[in-house]
Structure formats: structure tokens, C-alpha cells
Amino acid sequence: MSMFTDVSSLRGQFWAEIFGFGIRNLREKRGRSVEQAARLADMMPADWIDLEQGRQLPDHRDELARVAYALDVRVVDVVALALLSLDAWR
């Protein structure tokens, strides 16, 4: 593995963690537990934790919409967070 690949991988992980931090911050501001948010998003709590820790990213628009619903925010707010963290998906 080249140094460039290592840096690219680290950059993606960094932005995934930033996305997850934003999701966790929104959840906590809404006063929701991981279990409550996961249930509202039709996810398993372990998957929600992975999302907040940057180990899992939404793959589809409907997943972003379910996360937004669980956090009681507009879909555009979650999309904006995703766009700010775009390198996480690369």
C-alpha cells in the first residue's frame, strides 16, 4: 500500500467521523437516546452507533431521510452535513 493510499484512507475516515460527530451532536441536542433514534430511523442500535462513530455511512437518499426523521431535522440539514463530509464517501 502506498503512502498516498494511506493518506486517502485516513482522509475518508476523518470525514466519516466528522459526519458521525454531527449526527451524534444532533441526536444529543434532541435529547434522544441511541435506541430511540435507531428505532425512529428503522435501524438497529448497533448500526446507529456505527453511524455516529464513522464506521457506517448512509448509502441511499432514503437512509439520509430516515436519519433526518429520527433527529427531527430537515433532510436538507443531513444532506448538508453529508456534503460537508463528502470525502467520507470517496
C-alpha atoms as a PDB file:
ATOM      1  CA  MET A   1       0.000   0.000   0.000  1.00  0.00           C
ATOM      2  CA  SER A   2       1.421   3.378  -0.956  1.00  0.00           C
ATOM      3  CA  MET A   3       1.625   6.399   1.314  1.00  0.00           C
ATOM      4  CA  PHE A   4      -0.933   8.136  -0.938  1.00  0.00           C
ATOM      5  CA  THR A   5      -3.421   5.325  -0.373  1.00  0.00           C
ATOM      6  CA  ASP A   6      -2.832   5.548   3.364  1.00  0.00           C
ATOM      7  CA  VAL A   7      -3.482   9.312   3.344  1.00  0.00           C
ATOM      8  CA  SER A   8      -6.613   8.915   1.214  1.00  0.00           C
ATOM      9  CA  SER A   9      -7.942   6.249   3.540  1.00  0.00           C
ATOM     10  CA  LEU A  10      -7.232   8.393   6.589  1.00  0.00           C
ATOM     11  CA  ARG A  11      -8.894  11.400   4.974  1.00  0.00           C
ATOM     12  CA  GLY A  12     -12.027   9.349   4.262  1.00  0.00           C
ATOM     13  CA  GLN A  13     -12.108   8.031   7.822  1.00  0.00           C
ATOM     14  CA  PHE A  14     -11.629  11.545   9.220  1.00  0.00           C
ATOM     15  CA  TRP A  15     -14.628  12.873   7.283  1.00  0.00           C
ATOM     16  CA  ALA A  16     -16.730   9.835   8.213  1.00  0.00           C
ATOM     17  CA  GLU A  17     -16.007  10.593  11.863  1.00  0.00           C
ATOM     18  CA  ILE A  18     -16.906  14.266  11.338  1.00  0.00           C
ATOM     19  CA  PHE A  19     -20.227  13.184   9.810  1.00  0.00           C
ATOM     20  CA  GLY A  20     -20.820  10.842  12.747  1.00  0.00           C
ATOM     21  CA  PHE A  21     -19.959  13.570  15.245  1.00  0.00           C
ATOM     22  CA  GLY A  22     -22.553  15.831  13.619  1.00  0.00           C
ATOM     23  CA  ILE A  23     -25.183  13.098  13.799  1.00  0.00           C
ATOM     24  CA  ARG A  24     -24.376  12.391  17.462  1.00  0.00           C
ATOM     25  CA  ASN A  25     -24.475  16.102  18.265  1.00  0.00           C
ATOM     26  CA  LEU A  26     -27.922  16.484  16.678  1.00  0.00           C
ATOM     27  CA  ARG A  27     -29.219  13.392  18.488  1.00  0.00           C
ATOM     28  CA  GLU A  28     -27.992  14.651  21.844  1.00  0.00           C
ATOM     29  CA  LYS A  29     -29.461  18.132  21.233  1.00  0.00           C
ATOM     30  CA  ARG A  30     -32.819  16.460  20.622  1.00  0.00           C
ATOM     31  CA  GLY A  31     -32.486  14.539  23.879  1.00  0.00           C
ATOM     32  CA  ARG A  32     -32.823  11.174  22.167  1.00  0.00           C
ATOM     33  CA  SER A  33     -31.053   8.008  23.148  1.00  0.00           C
ATOM     34  CA  VAL A  34     -29.279   5.854  20.589  1.00  0.00           C
ATOM     35  CA  GLU A  35     -32.103   3.337  20.898  1.00  0.00           C
ATOM     36  CA  GLN A  36     -34.800   5.964  20.291  1.00  0.00           C
ATOM     37  CA  ALA A  37     -33.035   7.431  17.275  1.00  0.00           C
ATOM     38  CA  ALA A  38     -32.318   3.996  15.812  1.00  0.00           C
ATOM     39  CA  ARG A  39     -35.932   2.916  16.230  1.00  0.00           C
ATOM     40  CA  LEU A  40     -37.214   6.095  14.531  1.00  0.00           C
ATOM     41  CA  ALA A  41     -34.745   5.566  11.664  1.00  0.00           C
ATOM     42  CA  ASP A  42     -35.718   1.887  11.357  1.00  0.00           C
ATOM     43  CA  MET A  43     -32.161   0.844  12.227  1.00  0.00           C
ATOM     44  CA  MET A  44     -30.593  -1.445  14.775  1.00  0.00           C
ATOM     45  CA  PRO A  45     -28.961   0.453  17.674  1.00  0.00           C
ATOM     46  CA  ALA A  46     -25.588  -1.092  16.772  1.00  0.00           C
ATOM     47  CA  ASP A  47     -25.919   0.349  13.252  1.00  0.00           C
ATOM     48  CA  TRP A  48     -26.745   3.779  14.666  1.00  0.00           C
ATOM     49  CA  ILE A  49     -23.652   3.601  16.874  1.00  0.00           C
ATOM     50  CA  ASP A  50     -21.582   2.674  13.813  1.00  0.00           C
ATOM     51  CA  LEU A  51     -23.050   5.705  12.032  1.00  0.00           C
ATOM     52  CA  GLU A  52     -22.091   8.024  14.898  1.00  0.00           C
ATOM     53  CA  GLN A  53     -18.596   6.562  15.066  1.00  0.00           C
ATOM     54  CA  GLY A  54     -17.979   6.911  11.347  1.00  0.00           C
ATOM     55  CA  ARG A  55     -17.866   3.180  10.669  1.00  0.00           C
ATOM     56  CA  GLN A  56     -21.058   3.190   8.592  1.00  0.00           C
ATOM     57  CA  LEU A  57     -22.397   5.803   6.196  1.00  0.00           C
ATOM     58  CA  PRO A  58     -25.836   6.115   4.628  1.00  0.00           C
ATOM     59  CA  ASP A  59     -25.794   4.604   1.132  1.00  0.00           C
ATOM     60  CA  HIS A  60     -29.053   5.991  -0.204  1.00  0.00           C
ATOM     61  CA  ARG A  61     -31.227   9.078  -0.092  1.00  0.00           C
ATOM     62  CA  ASP A  62     -33.915   7.222   1.876  1.00  0.00           C
ATOM     63  CA  GLU A  63     -31.379   6.399   4.597  1.00  0.00           C
ATOM     64  CA  LEU A  64     -30.497  10.089   4.905  1.00  0.00           C
ATOM     65  CA  ALA A  65     -34.224  10.848   5.111  1.00  0.00           C
ATOM     66  CA  ARG A  66     -34.734   8.287   7.892  1.00  0.00           C
ATOM     67  CA  VAL A  67     -31.789   9.717   9.841  1.00  0.00           C
ATOM     68  CA  ALA A  68     -33.247  13.213   9.437  1.00  0.00           C
ATOM     69  CA  TYR A  69     -36.638  11.985  10.652  1.00  0.00           C
ATOM     70  CA  ALA A  70     -35.052  10.328  13.682  1.00  0.00           C
ATOM     71  CA  LEU A  71     -33.261  13.565  14.530  1.00  0.00           C
ATOM     72  CA  ASP A  72     -36.300  15.751  13.855  1.00  0.00           C
ATOM     73  CA  VAL A  73     -34.409  17.862  11.331  1.00  0.00           C
ATOM     74  CA  ARG A  74     -34.943  18.624   7.667  1.00  0.00           C
ATOM     75  CA  VAL A  75     -33.480  16.187   5.163  1.00  0.00           C
ATOM     76  CA  VAL A  76     -31.545  19.108   3.673  1.00  0.00           C
ATOM     77  CA  ASP A  77     -29.749  19.523   7.026  1.00  0.00           C
ATOM     78  CA  VAL A  78     -28.487  15.936   6.972  1.00  0.00           C
ATOM     79  CA  VAL A  79     -27.611  16.260   3.285  1.00  0.00           C
ATOM     80  CA  ALA A  80     -25.643  19.440   4.076  1.00  0.00           C
ATOM     81  CA  LEU A  81     -23.723  17.560   6.756  1.00  0.00           C
ATOM     82  CA  ALA A  82     -23.075  14.758   4.272  1.00  0.00           C
ATOM     83  CA  LEU A  83     -21.857  17.246   1.655  1.00  0.00           C
ATOM     84  CA  LEU A  84     -19.511  18.855   4.166  1.00  0.00           C
ATOM     85  CA  SER A  85     -18.148  15.365   4.846  1.00  0.00           C
ATOM     86  CA  LEU A  86     -18.176  14.257   1.219  1.00  0.00           C
ATOM     87  CA  ASP A  87     -14.676  12.776   1.282  1.00  0.00           C
ATOM     88  CA  ALA A  88     -16.010  10.112   3.646  1.00  0.00           C
ATOM     89  CA  TRP A  89     -17.878   8.549   0.704  1.00  0.00           C
ATOM     90  CA  ARG A  90     -14.850   8.520  -1.621  1.00  0.00           C
END
